[in-house]
Amino acid sequence: MWLIQLHVLFVLLSGFGFFMRGIGHLRGEAWVQKKLVRILPHIVDTGLLVTAIALLVTMEISPLTDWVLAKIIALLVYIFLGVMAFRVAKTIKAKALFWLAALIVFAYMFAVAKTYSVFPWIPAVAVG
C-alpha cells in the first residue's frame, strides 16, 4: 500500500533528520541554525502525522488501540526530549543525554509500529 510506504519514508526522513541535527547541535555546527534546517523537520513531521492519521482512518484503527496509544504517548515524550535537547539544555552533556533518550524513544516507537505491541521486546506467544 502506497500510504504505508509514504509513511515509512517520512519516518526514515524524520529519524535521520533528528539524528543529524543532534550531531550538529552537539558539535556546535552553524548549519543547524539555517532556516531550511529549522523548517524542514516541521514539513517532514507534518507529512508523517498526516499519513499516520490517514492510515488509522483507512485501516479503521482506533487511536485508543493499545499499541497506537503507546505510540502517541511515546511521541509526546519524544517531542519533549527533543525540545530539551535542542532548545532548553545548556550543557553539551545535558543536550547529549536528552538527544540519546529521544533516539531511544524513537526506536521504541519504530518497534511498536513493527510489532503492534506495547512491549515489542517481549516475544508474542501463540495460543492454541
C-alpha atoms as a PDB file:
ATOM      1  CA  MET A   1       0.000   0.000   0.000  1.00  0.00           C
ATOM      2  CA  TRP A   2       1.488   3.326  -1.110  1.00  0.00           C
ATOM      3  CA  LEU A   3       0.261   5.119   2.013  1.00  0.00           C
ATOM      4  CA  ILE A   4       2.263   2.804   4.278  1.00  0.00           C
ATOM      5  CA  GLN A   5       5.350   3.270   2.097  1.00  0.00           C
ATOM      6  CA  LEU A   6       4.949   7.060   2.217  1.00  0.00           C
ATOM      7  CA  HIS A   7       4.531   6.921   5.993  1.00  0.00           C
ATOM      8  CA  VAL A   8       7.672   4.786   6.354  1.00  0.00           C
ATOM      9  CA  LEU A   9       9.569   7.254   4.145  1.00  0.00           C
ATOM     10  CA  PHE A  10       8.525  10.102   6.444  1.00  0.00           C
ATOM     11  CA  VAL A  11       9.572   8.027   9.485  1.00  0.00           C
ATOM     12  CA  LEU A  12      13.019   7.448   7.999  1.00  0.00           C
ATOM     13  CA  LEU A  13      13.429  11.095   6.957  1.00  0.00           C
ATOM     14  CA  SER A  14      12.306  12.304  10.375  1.00  0.00           C
ATOM     15  CA  GLY A  15      14.573   9.929  12.279  1.00  0.00           C
ATOM     16  CA  PHE A  16      17.594  10.617  10.066  1.00  0.00           C
ATOM     17  CA  GLY A  17      16.995  14.359  10.272  1.00  0.00           C
ATOM     18  CA  PHE A  18      16.708  14.276  14.061  1.00  0.00           C
ATOM     19  CA  PHE A  19      19.862  12.165  14.314  1.00  0.00           C
ATOM     20  CA  MET A  20      21.858  14.514  12.074  1.00  0.00           C
ATOM     21  CA  ARG A  21      20.577  17.684  13.768  1.00  0.00           C
ATOM     22  CA  GLY A  22      21.561  16.188  17.107  1.00  0.00           C
ATOM     23  CA  ILE A  23      25.094  15.605  15.893  1.00  0.00           C
ATOM     24  CA  GLY A  24      25.177  19.149  14.517  1.00  0.00           C
ATOM     25  CA  HIS A  25      23.936  20.634  17.784  1.00  0.00           C
ATOM     26  CA  LEU A  26      26.423  18.677  19.849  1.00  0.00           C
ATOM     27  CA  ARG A  27      29.298  19.752  17.612  1.00  0.00           C
ATOM     28  CA  GLY A  28      28.149  23.382  17.559  1.00  0.00           C
ATOM     29  CA  GLU A  29      27.761  23.382  13.781  1.00  0.00           C
ATOM     30  CA  ALA A  30      26.405  26.592  12.211  1.00  0.00           C
ATOM     31  CA  TRP A  31      24.285  24.700   9.641  1.00  0.00           C
ATOM     32  CA  VAL A  32      21.776  23.638  12.313  1.00  0.00           C
ATOM     33  CA  GLN A  33      20.699  27.283  12.637  1.00  0.00           C
ATOM     34  CA  LYS A  34      19.974  27.719   8.909  1.00  0.00           C
ATOM     35  CA  LYS A  35      16.350  28.491   8.120  1.00  0.00           C
ATOM     36  CA  LEU A  36      15.811  25.440   5.901  1.00  0.00           C
ATOM     37  CA  VAL A  37      17.264  23.098   8.540  1.00  0.00           C
ATOM     38  CA  ARG A  38      14.872  24.559  11.119  1.00  0.00           C
ATOM     39  CA  ILE A  39      11.795  24.439   8.824  1.00  0.00           C
ATOM     40  CA  LEU A  40      12.283  21.113   7.020  1.00  0.00           C
ATOM     41  CA  PRO A  41      11.678  18.911  10.117  1.00  0.00           C
ATOM     42  CA  HIS A  42       8.260  20.536  10.576  1.00  0.00           C
ATOM     43  CA  ILE A  43       7.348  19.780   6.959  1.00  0.00           C
ATOM     44  CA  VAL A  44       8.519  16.168   7.240  1.00  0.00           C
ATOM     45  CA  ASP A  45       6.809  15.662  10.603  1.00  0.00           C
ATOM     46  CA  THR A  46       3.569  17.151   9.243  1.00  0.00           C
ATOM     47  CA  GLY A  47       3.700  14.595   6.425  1.00  0.00           C
ATOM     48  CA  LEU A  48       4.402  11.901   8.988  1.00  0.00           C
ATOM     49  CA  LEU A  49       1.417  12.903  11.110  1.00  0.00           C
ATOM     50  CA  VAL A  50      -0.934  13.261   8.115  1.00  0.00           C
ATOM     51  CA  THR A  51      -0.008   9.812   6.777  1.00  0.00           C
ATOM     52  CA  ALA A  52      -0.369   8.308  10.269  1.00  0.00           C
ATOM     53  CA  ILE A  53      -3.879   9.714  10.623  1.00  0.00           C
ATOM     54  CA  ALA A  54      -4.749   8.608   7.074  1.00  0.00           C
ATOM     55  CA  LEU A  55      -3.550   5.090   7.871  1.00  0.00           C
ATOM     56  CA  LEU A  56      -5.658   4.966  11.032  1.00  0.00           C
ATOM     57  CA  VAL A  57      -8.719   6.108   9.108  1.00  0.00           C
ATOM     58  CA  THR A  58      -8.262   3.871   6.047  1.00  0.00           C
ATOM     59  CA  MET A  59      -7.372   0.826   8.132  1.00  0.00           C
ATOM     60  CA  GLU A  60     -10.141   1.630  10.635  1.00  0.00           C
ATOM     61  CA  ILE A  61      -7.811   1.503  13.639  1.00  0.00           C
ATOM     62  CA  SER A  62      -8.839   3.369  16.757  1.00  0.00           C
ATOM     63  CA  PRO A  63      -6.300   5.789  18.233  1.00  0.00           C
ATOM     64  CA  LEU A  64      -7.231   4.187  21.558  1.00  0.00           C
ATOM     65  CA  THR A  65      -5.879   0.807  20.450  1.00  0.00           C
ATOM     66  CA  ASP A  66      -3.183  -0.074  22.971  1.00  0.00           C
ATOM     67  CA  TRP A  67      -0.211  -0.011  20.592  1.00  0.00           C
ATOM     68  CA  VAL A  68      -1.386   3.171  18.835  1.00  0.00           C
ATOM     69  CA  LEU A  69      -1.922   4.901  22.167  1.00  0.00           C
ATOM     70  CA  ALA A  70       1.551   3.787  23.254  1.00  0.00           C
ATOM     71  CA  LYS A  71       2.996   5.400  20.106  1.00  0.00           C
ATOM     72  CA  ILE A  72       1.068   8.622  20.732  1.00  0.00           C
ATOM     73  CA  ILE A  73       2.333   8.832  24.320  1.00  0.00           C
ATOM     74  CA  ALA A  74       5.860   7.980  23.176  1.00  0.00           C
ATOM     75  CA  LEU A  75       5.598  10.690  20.507  1.00  0.00           C
ATOM     76  CA  LEU A  76       4.798  13.281  23.173  1.00  0.00           C
ATOM     77  CA  VAL A  77       7.790  12.103  25.221  1.00  0.00           C
ATOM     78  CA  TYR A  78       9.975  12.198  22.082  1.00  0.00           C
ATOM     79  CA  ILE A  79       8.910  15.783  21.328  1.00  0.00           C
ATOM     80  CA  PHE A  80       9.590  16.823  24.934  1.00  0.00           C
ATOM     81  CA  LEU A  81      13.046  15.244  24.874  1.00  0.00           C
ATOM     82  CA  GLY A  82      13.828  16.845  21.520  1.00  0.00           C
ATOM     83  CA  VAL A  83      12.855  20.281  22.817  1.00  0.00           C
ATOM     84  CA  MET A  84      15.010  19.714  25.867  1.00  0.00           C
ATOM     85  CA  ALA A  85      17.959  18.614  23.713  1.00  0.00           C
ATOM     86  CA  PHE A  86      17.762  21.374  21.099  1.00  0.00           C
ATOM     87  CA  ARG A  87      16.322  24.359  22.976  1.00  0.00           C
ATOM     88  CA  VAL A  88      16.424  24.045  26.751  1.00  0.00           C
ATOM     89  CA  ALA A  89      19.519  22.109  27.792  1.00  0.00           C
ATOM     90  CA  LYS A  90      22.556  24.341  28.193  1.00  0.00           C
ATOM     91  CA  THR A  91      25.461  21.921  28.587  1.00  0.00           C
ATOM     92  CA  ILE A  92      26.744  19.517  25.952  1.00  0.00           C
ATOM     93  CA  LYS A  93      26.280  16.637  28.384  1.00  0.00           C
ATOM     94  CA  ALA A  94      22.626  17.515  29.036  1.00  0.00           C
ATOM     95  CA  LYS A  95      21.976  18.031  25.314  1.00  0.00           C
ATOM     96  CA  ALA A  96      23.554  14.654  24.543  1.00  0.00           C
ATOM     97  CA  LEU A  97      21.567  12.842  27.232  1.00  0.00           C
ATOM     98  CA  PHE A  98      18.239  14.288  26.079  1.00  0.00           C
ATOM     99  CA  TRP A  99      19.127  13.586  22.437  1.00  0.00           C
ATOM    100  CA  LEU A 100      20.078   9.967  23.187  1.00  0.00           C
ATOM    101  CA  ALA A 101      16.931   9.481  25.271  1.00  0.00           C
ATOM    102  CA  ALA A 102      14.865  10.847  22.370  1.00  0.00           C
ATOM    103  CA  LEU A 103      16.574   8.420  19.976  1.00  0.00           C
ATOM    104  CA  ILE A 104      15.709   5.535  22.302  1.00  0.00           C
ATOM    105  CA  VAL A 105      12.064   6.656  22.351  1.00  0.00           C
ATOM    106  CA  PHE A 106      12.137   6.926  18.543  1.00  0.00           C
ATOM    107  CA  ALA A 107      13.438   3.341  18.354  1.00  0.00           C
ATOM    108  CA  TYR A 108      10.659   2.260  20.733  1.00  0.00           C
ATOM    109  CA  MET A 109       8.014   3.878  18.504  1.00  0.00           C
ATOM    110  CA  PHE A 110       9.507   2.126  15.468  1.00  0.00           C
ATOM    111  CA  ALA A 111       9.492  -1.230  17.261  1.00  0.00           C
ATOM    112  CA  VAL A 112       5.893  -0.765  18.394  1.00  0.00           C
ATOM    113  CA  ALA A 113       4.885   0.016  14.805  1.00  0.00           C
ATOM    114  CA  LYS A 114       6.623  -3.107  13.516  1.00  0.00           C
ATOM    115  CA  THR A 115       5.221  -5.468  16.174  1.00  0.00           C
ATOM    116  CA  TYR A 116       1.849  -3.855  17.007  1.00  0.00           C
ATOM    117  CA  SER A 117       2.799  -4.429  20.621  1.00  0.00           C
ATOM    118  CA  VAL A 118       3.188  -2.044  23.549  1.00  0.00           C
ATOM    119  CA  PHE A 119       6.072  -4.244  24.720  1.00  0.00           C
ATOM    120  CA  PRO A 120       7.905  -5.027  21.484  1.00  0.00           C
ATOM    121  CA  TRP A 121      10.870  -6.616  23.261  1.00  0.00           C
ATOM    122  CA  ILE A 122       8.643  -9.398  24.644  1.00  0.00           C
ATOM    123  CA  PRO A 123       8.046 -12.090  22.003  1.00  0.00           C
ATOM    124  CA  ALA A 124       4.431 -12.886  21.255  1.00  0.00           C
ATOM    125  CA  VAL A 125       3.298 -16.311  22.367  1.00  0.00           C
ATOM    126  CA  ALA A 126       0.991 -18.221  20.057  1.00  0.00           C
ATOM    127  CA  VAL A 127      -2.067 -19.580  21.832  1.00  0.00           C
ATOM    128  CA  GLY A 128      -3.910 -22.707  20.706  1.00  0.00           C
END
